[in-house]
Protein backbone atom coordinates (compact mmCIF):
# COMPACT_ATOMS: atom_id res chain seq x y z
CA MET A 1 -61.07 -177.81 155.44
CA TYR A 2 -63.42 -174.63 157.02
CA ALA A 3 -62.93 -172.97 160.68
CA MET A 4 -66.03 -173.52 162.80
CA ASN A 5 -67.72 -170.83 164.57
CA LYS A 6 -68.63 -170.57 168.02
CA THR A 7 -71.73 -171.83 167.50
CA GLN A 8 -70.37 -174.72 165.38
CA LYS A 9 -68.07 -175.68 167.90
CA ARG A 10 -70.33 -176.03 170.50
CA PRO A 11 -72.69 -179.06 169.28
CA ALA A 12 -69.50 -180.50 167.88
CA GLY A 13 -67.48 -180.54 171.53
CA ILE A 14 -70.74 -181.52 173.48
CA PHE A 15 -70.73 -184.67 170.20
CA LEU A 16 -67.40 -185.58 170.77
CA ALA A 17 -67.18 -185.32 174.66
CA TRP A 18 -70.16 -188.16 174.25
CA PHE A 19 -68.62 -190.18 172.25
CA ALA A 20 -65.16 -190.54 174.48
CA LEU A 21 -67.48 -191.69 177.24
CA TRP A 22 -69.10 -193.98 175.05
CA ALA A 23 -65.74 -195.56 173.89
CA ALA A 24 -63.96 -195.85 177.40
CA SER A 25 -67.01 -197.65 179.38
CA THR A 26 -67.35 -200.04 176.02
CA GLY A 27 -63.83 -200.63 175.76
CA ALA A 28 -63.56 -199.39 172.06
CA TYR A 29 -60.33 -197.96 172.35
CA ALA A 30 -59.10 -200.91 173.96
CA GLN A 31 -60.05 -202.94 170.68
CA ALA A 32 -58.40 -200.76 168.11
CA ASP A 33 -55.24 -202.35 168.47
CA LYS A 34 -56.99 -205.65 167.29
CA ILE A 35 -57.95 -204.01 163.99
CA LYS A 36 -55.58 -206.14 161.37
CA LEU A 37 -55.65 -206.26 157.48
CA SER A 38 -55.51 -209.51 156.20
CA GLU A 39 -51.74 -210.82 155.64
CA HIS A 40 -51.96 -211.39 152.31
CA ILE A 41 -52.25 -207.51 151.12
CA GLN A 42 -48.77 -206.20 151.14
CA SER A 43 -49.91 -202.82 150.74
CA ILE A 44 -53.17 -200.52 150.24
CA LYS A 45 -54.21 -197.15 148.77
CA PHE A 46 -56.91 -195.21 149.26
CA GLY A 47 -57.54 -191.98 147.14
CA GLY A 48 -60.97 -190.34 145.70
CA ASP A 49 -61.98 -187.49 144.10
CA LEU A 50 -65.47 -185.09 144.15
CA ARG A 51 -66.60 -182.68 141.34
CA LEU A 52 -69.59 -180.08 141.66
CA ARG A 53 -70.86 -178.89 138.19
CA HIS A 54 -73.17 -176.29 136.89
CA GLU A 55 -74.26 -177.33 133.22
CA ASN A 56 -76.04 -175.04 130.52
CA PHE A 57 -77.77 -176.19 127.26
CA ASN A 58 -79.01 -174.13 124.77
CA LYS A 59 -80.98 -175.79 122.37
CA ARG A 60 -82.42 -174.77 119.07
CA GLY A 61 -84.69 -177.13 117.02
CA LEU A 62 -88.56 -178.43 116.99
CA GLY A 63 -89.12 -179.76 120.43
CA THR A 64 -85.83 -178.29 122.18
CA THR A 65 -86.27 -177.23 125.73
CA ASP A 66 -83.03 -175.03 127.06
CA ARG A 67 -81.73 -176.76 130.39
CA ASN A 68 -80.25 -175.58 133.35
CA ARG A 69 -78.66 -178.15 136.02
CA ASN A 70 -76.55 -178.74 138.81
CA ARG A 71 -74.54 -182.14 139.31
CA LEU A 72 -71.72 -183.85 141.45
CA ARG A 73 -69.44 -186.54 141.30
CA LEU A 74 -67.80 -188.74 144.03
CA ARG A 75 -65.70 -191.61 143.38
CA LEU A 76 -63.70 -193.74 146.30
CA GLY A 77 -60.94 -196.06 145.38
CA ALA A 78 -59.08 -198.71 146.60
CA GLU A 79 -55.81 -200.56 145.71
CA MET A 80 -54.72 -203.64 147.31
CA GLN A 81 -51.29 -205.12 146.32
CA LEU A 82 -51.25 -208.88 146.82
CA PRO A 83 -48.54 -211.40 146.32
CA HIS A 84 -47.43 -212.60 143.14
CA ASP A 85 -47.46 -208.99 141.46
CA LEU A 86 -51.21 -209.42 141.69
CA SER A 87 -53.51 -206.46 142.37
CA ALA A 88 -56.80 -205.58 143.17
CA LYS A 89 -58.28 -202.41 142.34
CA LEU A 90 -61.81 -201.00 143.24
CA ARG A 91 -63.56 -197.90 142.50
CA LEU A 92 -67.35 -196.87 143.91
CA ALA A 93 -69.09 -194.29 142.33
CA SER A 94 -71.88 -191.98 142.09
CA GLY A 95 -74.37 -192.16 139.33
CA THR A 96 -77.64 -193.28 138.06
CA GLY A 97 -75.96 -196.52 136.95
CA GLU A 98 -75.40 -195.43 133.20
CA GLN A 99 -72.71 -196.97 131.21
CA VAL A 100 -71.31 -193.28 130.44
CA SER A 101 -71.69 -190.90 133.22
CA THR A 102 -70.93 -191.34 136.98
CA ASN A 103 -73.27 -187.93 137.40
CA GLN A 104 -75.69 -187.24 139.68
CA THR A 105 -77.97 -184.27 139.52
CA TYR A 106 -79.31 -182.17 142.29
CA THR A 107 -83.08 -183.17 142.25
CA GLY A 108 -85.70 -185.44 144.11
CA MET A 109 -86.06 -182.72 146.44
CA SER A 110 -82.98 -183.38 148.13
CA SER A 111 -83.28 -187.19 148.19
CA GLN A 112 -80.42 -189.00 148.87
CA LYS A 113 -78.02 -190.37 145.97
CA ASN A 114 -76.81 -193.85 144.61
CA ILE A 115 -73.10 -195.45 144.84
CA PHE A 116 -72.42 -197.92 142.38
CA ILE A 117 -69.84 -200.62 141.80
CA ASP A 118 -67.83 -198.47 139.00
CA GLN A 119 -64.59 -200.80 139.10
CA ALA A 120 -63.40 -203.89 140.68
CA PHE A 121 -60.88 -205.92 138.85
CA LEU A 122 -57.66 -208.08 139.32
CA HIS A 123 -54.49 -206.77 137.64
CA TRP A 124 -51.47 -208.70 137.08
CA THR A 125 -48.58 -207.43 136.27
CA PRO A 126 -45.51 -210.04 136.17
CA ALA A 127 -42.14 -209.36 136.08
CA VAL A 128 -40.31 -209.57 132.57
CA SER A 129 -37.54 -207.21 131.78
CA GLU A 130 -36.05 -204.20 132.56
CA ARG A 131 -37.14 -203.52 128.84
CA GLY A 132 -40.61 -204.45 129.44
CA SER A 133 -43.78 -204.81 131.39
CA ALA A 134 -46.81 -207.17 130.56
CA TYR A 135 -50.27 -207.44 132.13
CA LEU A 136 -53.50 -209.34 132.64
CA ALA A 137 -56.88 -207.82 133.85
CA SER A 138 -60.41 -209.01 134.40
CA GLY A 139 -63.62 -207.64 136.06
CA LYS A 140 -65.23 -204.31 135.60
CA MET A 141 -62.04 -202.51 134.83
CA GLN A 142 -60.26 -199.24 134.10
CA ASN A 143 -60.17 -199.07 130.26
CA LEU A 144 -56.79 -200.28 129.63
CA LEU A 145 -56.40 -199.28 125.63
CA TRP A 146 -54.22 -196.15 125.18
CA ARG A 147 -56.18 -193.30 124.59
CA THR A 148 -55.94 -189.21 124.58
CA TYR A 149 -58.86 -186.70 124.90
CA SER A 150 -59.07 -187.14 121.27
CA SER A 151 -60.15 -190.34 121.69
CA ASP A 152 -63.68 -189.69 123.20
CA LEU A 153 -64.80 -189.90 119.55
CA ILE A 154 -64.83 -193.97 120.19
CA TRP A 155 -65.11 -193.93 124.34
CA ASP A 156 -66.68 -191.78 127.03
CA ASP A 157 -63.82 -191.45 129.69
CA ASP A 158 -66.52 -193.17 132.28
CA VAL A 159 -67.10 -196.74 130.33
CA SER A 160 -66.02 -199.01 132.74
CA PRO A 161 -65.34 -202.24 130.54
CA GLU A 162 -66.77 -205.33 131.70
CA GLY A 163 -64.48 -208.65 130.79
CA PHE A 164 -60.91 -209.05 130.11
CA ALA A 165 -57.66 -207.24 128.97
CA GLU A 166 -54.29 -207.85 128.09
CA GLY A 167 -51.18 -205.98 126.75
CA GLY A 168 -47.50 -205.15 127.31
CA GLU A 169 -44.60 -202.67 125.67
CA TRP A 170 -41.31 -203.20 124.96
CA LEU A 171 -38.24 -200.89 124.62
CA PHE A 172 -35.94 -200.63 121.54
CA ALA A 173 -33.36 -198.44 123.70
CA GLU A 174 -30.48 -198.65 120.19
CA ALA A 175 -33.85 -196.97 118.04
CA GLY A 176 -34.82 -195.34 120.64
CA VAL A 177 -38.56 -196.73 120.38
CA THR A 178 -41.11 -198.39 122.56
CA VAL A 179 -43.45 -200.45 121.03
CA PHE A 180 -46.68 -201.61 122.72
CA GLY A 181 -49.90 -203.10 121.93
CA ASN A 182 -53.12 -203.79 124.11
CA ALA A 183 -56.56 -206.20 123.82
CA LEU A 184 -59.71 -206.23 125.03
CA GLN A 185 -62.40 -208.61 125.31
CA MET A 186 -65.85 -206.76 126.45
CA ALA A 187 -68.93 -208.54 127.68
CA VAL A 188 -71.67 -206.37 126.41
CA SER A 189 -74.67 -207.96 127.11
CA GLU A 190 -75.90 -211.53 128.44
CA ASN A 191 -79.01 -213.18 126.96
CA GLY A 192 -80.37 -216.06 128.30
CA ASN A 193 -82.43 -216.82 125.21
CA THR A 194 -79.48 -217.38 123.05
CA SER A 195 -75.78 -218.62 123.38
CA LYS A 196 -74.62 -215.64 121.02
CA ASN A 197 -73.85 -212.79 122.88
CA PRO A 198 -73.03 -209.49 122.13
CA TRP A 199 -68.94 -209.01 122.55
CA LEU A 200 -66.32 -206.41 121.83
CA PHE A 201 -62.83 -207.24 120.49
CA SER A 202 -60.54 -204.26 120.61
CA GLN A 203 -56.83 -204.88 119.50
CA GLN A 204 -54.36 -202.06 119.43
CA LEU A 205 -50.83 -202.05 118.34
CA GLY A 206 -48.70 -198.73 118.92
CA ALA A 207 -45.19 -197.03 119.12
CA GLU A 208 -43.77 -194.09 121.06
CA THR A 209 -40.59 -192.30 120.02
CA ARG A 210 -38.46 -189.22 121.60
CA LEU A 211 -37.50 -186.22 119.59
CA PRO A 212 -35.21 -183.38 120.07
CA LEU A 213 -36.48 -180.76 122.60
CA GLU A 214 -37.66 -183.51 125.19
CA SER A 215 -40.41 -184.03 122.92
CA ARG A 216 -42.22 -187.35 121.85
CA MET A 217 -44.51 -188.76 119.10
CA ARG A 218 -47.24 -191.37 120.14
CA LEU A 219 -49.51 -193.38 117.62
CA ALA A 220 -51.84 -196.45 117.85
CA GLY A 221 -53.89 -198.13 115.28
CA THR A 222 -56.58 -200.20 117.35
CA TYR A 223 -59.59 -202.00 115.57
CA HIS A 224 -63.08 -202.65 117.44
CA LYS A 225 -64.80 -205.76 116.13
CA TRP A 226 -68.55 -206.16 117.69
CA SER A 227 -69.74 -209.77 117.30
CA ASN A 228 -73.75 -210.36 117.50
CA GLU A 229 -74.51 -206.97 117.96
CA ASN A 230 -77.64 -207.28 115.89
CA ARG A 231 -78.94 -210.23 117.25
CA GLY A 232 -80.67 -208.62 120.54
CA ASN A 233 -80.73 -205.27 123.07
CA LEU A 234 -77.17 -204.85 123.98
CA GLY A 235 -78.81 -203.53 127.38
CA ALA A 236 -77.26 -199.98 127.51
CA ALA A 237 -78.81 -198.40 130.30
CA ALA A 238 -78.23 -194.84 128.76
CA VAL A 239 -78.93 -194.96 124.44
CA GLN A 240 -77.42 -191.79 123.11
CA ASP A 241 -78.06 -190.09 120.08
CA GLY A 242 -76.94 -191.06 116.43
CA ASN A 243 -76.79 -194.88 115.27
CA ARG A 244 -79.75 -196.29 113.37
CA ARG A 245 -81.60 -198.69 114.95
CA ALA A 246 -84.61 -201.22 114.16
CA GLY A 247 -86.63 -200.54 116.86
CA THR A 248 -84.28 -201.52 119.94
CA LEU A 249 -81.71 -203.20 117.64
CA GLN A 250 -78.84 -201.74 115.87
CA ALA A 251 -79.49 -201.71 112.10
CA ASN A 252 -75.65 -201.34 111.11
CA ARG A 253 -72.91 -203.77 111.81
CA PHE A 254 -69.65 -202.77 113.64
CA GLY A 255 -65.76 -203.42 112.59
CA VAL A 256 -64.59 -199.77 113.43
CA GLY A 257 -60.46 -199.32 112.88
CA GLU A 258 -59.03 -196.25 114.92
CA LEU A 259 -55.70 -194.34 114.59
CA THR A 260 -54.78 -192.06 117.03
CA GLY A 261 -52.05 -190.08 117.32
CA GLU A 262 -50.15 -187.36 119.83
CA PHE A 263 -47.54 -185.02 119.37
CA SER A 264 -45.71 -183.61 122.95
CA SER A 265 -43.53 -180.74 123.09
CA TRP A 266 -42.81 -177.63 125.05
CA ILE A 267 -42.93 -174.12 124.35
CA GLY A 268 -40.88 -172.39 126.36
CA ARG A 269 -41.67 -173.81 129.79
CA MET A 270 -45.25 -174.28 129.01
CA PRO A 271 -46.49 -178.01 127.60
CA ILE A 272 -48.16 -178.52 124.64
CA SER A 273 -49.91 -181.59 123.07
CA PHE A 274 -51.65 -182.05 119.53
CA GLN A 275 -53.62 -184.75 119.27
CA ALA A 276 -55.92 -186.79 116.79
CA THR A 277 -58.38 -189.69 116.37
CA VAL A 278 -59.63 -191.00 112.79
CA ALA A 279 -62.34 -193.63 112.73
CA ARG A 280 -64.23 -195.76 110.28
CA ASN A 281 -66.80 -198.18 110.49
CA PHE A 282 -65.31 -200.93 107.90
CA ARG A 283 -68.20 -203.06 108.28
CA ALA A 284 -71.11 -200.59 107.87
CA ARG A 285 -73.40 -201.79 105.20
CA GLY A 286 -73.52 -199.77 102.08
CA ASP A 287 -77.30 -199.91 101.55
CA LEU A 288 -79.71 -200.01 104.85
CA SER A 289 -82.77 -199.49 102.73
CA SER A 290 -84.09 -203.22 103.47
CA VAL A 291 -83.94 -202.69 107.18
CA ALA A 292 -87.46 -201.40 108.50
CA ALA A 293 -87.96 -197.89 109.42
CA VAL A 294 -84.65 -197.13 109.57
CA CYS A 295 -84.37 -194.93 106.09
CA PRO A 296 -87.40 -192.76 104.91
CA ALA A 297 -89.18 -194.01 102.07
CA GLY A 298 -87.45 -192.55 98.78
CA THR A 299 -84.20 -191.09 100.26
CA PRO A 300 -80.81 -192.19 100.44
CA CYS A 301 -79.43 -194.59 102.61
CA PRO A 302 -75.85 -193.49 103.35
CA GLN A 303 -73.25 -195.71 105.14
CA ALA A 304 -72.22 -192.71 107.40
CA ARG A 305 -69.21 -194.78 108.62
CA ASP A 306 -66.50 -191.84 109.33
CA GLY A 307 -65.40 -189.98 111.88
CA TYR A 308 -62.46 -187.62 113.16
CA GLN A 309 -61.55 -185.66 116.12
CA ILE A 310 -58.11 -182.98 116.40
CA GLY A 311 -57.15 -180.21 118.61
CA ALA A 312 -54.16 -179.69 120.90
CA VAL A 313 -53.92 -178.53 124.74
CA LEU A 314 -51.61 -175.64 125.42
CA GLY A 315 -50.49 -176.27 129.66
CA ARG A 316 -51.80 -178.46 132.05
CA ALA A 317 -53.89 -177.59 134.82
CA LYS A 318 -52.39 -179.89 137.52
CA ALA A 319 -49.55 -178.07 140.00
CA ALA A 320 -50.69 -175.46 142.05
CA GLY A 321 -50.81 -172.11 140.12
CA THR A 322 -51.02 -173.89 136.56
CA TRP A 323 -53.42 -173.44 134.00
CA GLU A 324 -54.63 -174.89 130.33
CA ALA A 325 -56.50 -174.10 127.35
CA ALA A 326 -57.42 -176.13 124.92
CA TRP A 327 -59.74 -176.80 121.38
CA PHE A 328 -61.00 -179.59 119.50
CA LYS A 329 -63.20 -180.15 116.11
CA LYS A 330 -65.32 -183.18 116.17
CA TYR A 331 -67.02 -184.81 113.52
CA ALA A 332 -69.06 -188.22 113.99
CA GLN A 333 -71.49 -189.73 111.35
CA THR A 334 -73.98 -191.56 112.12
CA ASP A 335 -72.69 -195.27 112.15
CA ALA A 336 -69.02 -194.30 112.81
CA THR A 337 -68.78 -195.96 115.91
CA MET A 338 -70.99 -197.68 118.58
CA ALA A 339 -72.96 -194.39 120.21
CA ASP A 340 -73.30 -196.03 123.63
CA ILE A 341 -70.35 -195.67 124.41
CA ALA A 342 -68.84 -192.45 122.85
CA ASP A 343 -68.52 -189.39 124.68
CA SER A 344 -72.02 -188.39 126.51
CA ASP A 345 -71.01 -184.43 126.81
CA PHE A 346 -70.84 -183.62 123.34
CA GLY A 347 -74.39 -182.47 122.15
CA ASP A 348 -76.57 -185.25 123.92
CA GLY A 349 -73.91 -187.34 123.60
CA GLY A 350 -73.66 -190.18 120.53
CA THR A 351 -73.20 -190.34 117.57
CA ASN A 352 -74.40 -187.52 114.28
CA ARG A 353 -72.47 -184.44 115.41
CA ARG A 354 -70.00 -181.89 114.25
CA GLY A 355 -68.76 -179.26 116.43
CA HIS A 356 -66.11 -177.42 118.71
CA ILE A 357 -64.73 -178.08 121.60
CA PHE A 358 -63.18 -175.02 124.05
CA TRP A 359 -62.07 -175.41 127.49
CA ALA A 360 -59.94 -173.47 130.11
CA ALA A 361 -59.03 -174.63 133.38
CA TYR A 362 -56.46 -173.66 136.66
CA ALA A 363 -55.34 -175.54 139.42
CA PRO A 364 -55.35 -173.21 142.47
CA THR A 365 -53.57 -175.77 144.77
CA ASP A 366 -52.29 -179.65 143.70
CA TRP A 367 -55.57 -181.02 144.74
CA MET A 368 -58.06 -178.42 143.31
CA GLN A 369 -58.92 -177.58 139.81
CA LEU A 370 -61.62 -174.89 138.48
CA LYS A 371 -62.70 -175.46 134.63
CA ALA A 372 -64.96 -173.95 132.13
CA LYS A 373 -65.77 -176.22 129.00
CA TYR A 374 -68.12 -175.22 125.88
CA PHE A 375 -69.42 -177.53 123.40
CA VAL A 376 -70.86 -175.97 119.92
CA THR A 377 -72.44 -178.31 118.22
CA GLU A 378 -74.88 -179.54 115.45
CA THR A 379 -76.19 -182.55 113.61
CA ILE A 380 -74.86 -183.65 110.22
CA ASP A 381 -77.88 -185.86 109.12
CA THR A 382 -81.05 -184.39 109.98
CA GLN A 383 -83.05 -187.70 108.61
CA PHE A 384 -81.35 -189.73 111.53
CA ASN A 385 -81.42 -189.20 115.13
CA PRO A 386 -81.43 -186.21 116.66
CA GLY A 387 -82.89 -184.78 113.98
CA ASP A 388 -82.44 -180.97 113.12
CA LYS A 389 -81.36 -179.90 116.45
CA ALA A 390 -78.25 -177.84 117.49
CA VAL A 391 -76.73 -177.88 121.47
CA ASN A 392 -74.62 -175.34 123.04
CA ARG A 393 -73.51 -176.54 125.91
CA LEU A 394 -71.32 -175.05 128.90
CA GLN A 395 -70.10 -176.81 131.68
CA ILE A 396 -68.43 -175.30 135.33
CA ASP A 397 -66.55 -177.25 137.49
CA MET A 398 -64.69 -177.64 140.38
CA SER A 399 -63.14 -180.41 141.00
CA VAL A 400 -61.07 -181.82 144.41
CA LYS A 401 -58.81 -185.11 144.78
CA PHE A 402 -58.12 -186.53 148.29
């Protein structure tokens, strides 16, 4: 909140006076007690966040240009609890309609910006047991697979899958282990010219165990099987660097195995998290030389199917007066995973990149965070997209929650 000066208070006071006269004359106040929620809504929660960002790109390579821009992200959400353990979850967000970003750039002579349906889904969590839980979900959902920061090797955090999800967990108290599983069926694109539409099927199985000194280890294996990914344009609003393509079609096949782990502990009163994700595209073709325009004539055409991300986060900038610092190393070969849903901030987004990520953040209040993040990246195999281009990227953010 900010304090208004006398010049600001005068028009504000006039507006409030006119509004009071209008409301009294039309009976608007009398109608207020008639505003009711549906009798089926047991509770409702509202919330959101606003992030302001300055971003700088320093690029090296043929045809590259340095870049500076300012951006904002606005998200507004609601969760309505309905009978029989069912909830409806909704979120609107700014952006340009991309699957990997809800940012909006300051441009267009301050023209108005768009708001999109970012999430709209039903989430059922039936009562199972004191030891376990289960859920079913459908719609345009939050990503319900278990992920850490290192998981952005596979997933950009802004991707809201459209389709179906199921999962649950169970505590084996005697062994001190919690076992969990999640599954996702994501409708990638609908093509009216064929019944064989592309889908993504992800299955995840994991476990968590408590360790001495208030530490814990969590580990999960996931297999991401893409179906009909070569039959047509996948319809991505943002096509990211990396994957080899024949025109607009994916040249390779994708069946990505992912292993992600997190070890959480404490250094004194300071939390620390060690994270790692490794991935391999087990369905990558051994030779793509027969696919037109994919590999230059007379050059090797490697599988380029592996990737990893490892690093650590010290501290947690969440409560007032807390801070955090982090470092990650990332390596994602050309067809290690589907580029169009991978992290959009590493370089120019996508795959065929390696490098380092650093950030530091501070929370001056419980509802605000200040953060500086720096990416140092270069292309792994320069014969493929994006070519011989190195990108260093700086992001300076101020985020508030409400």
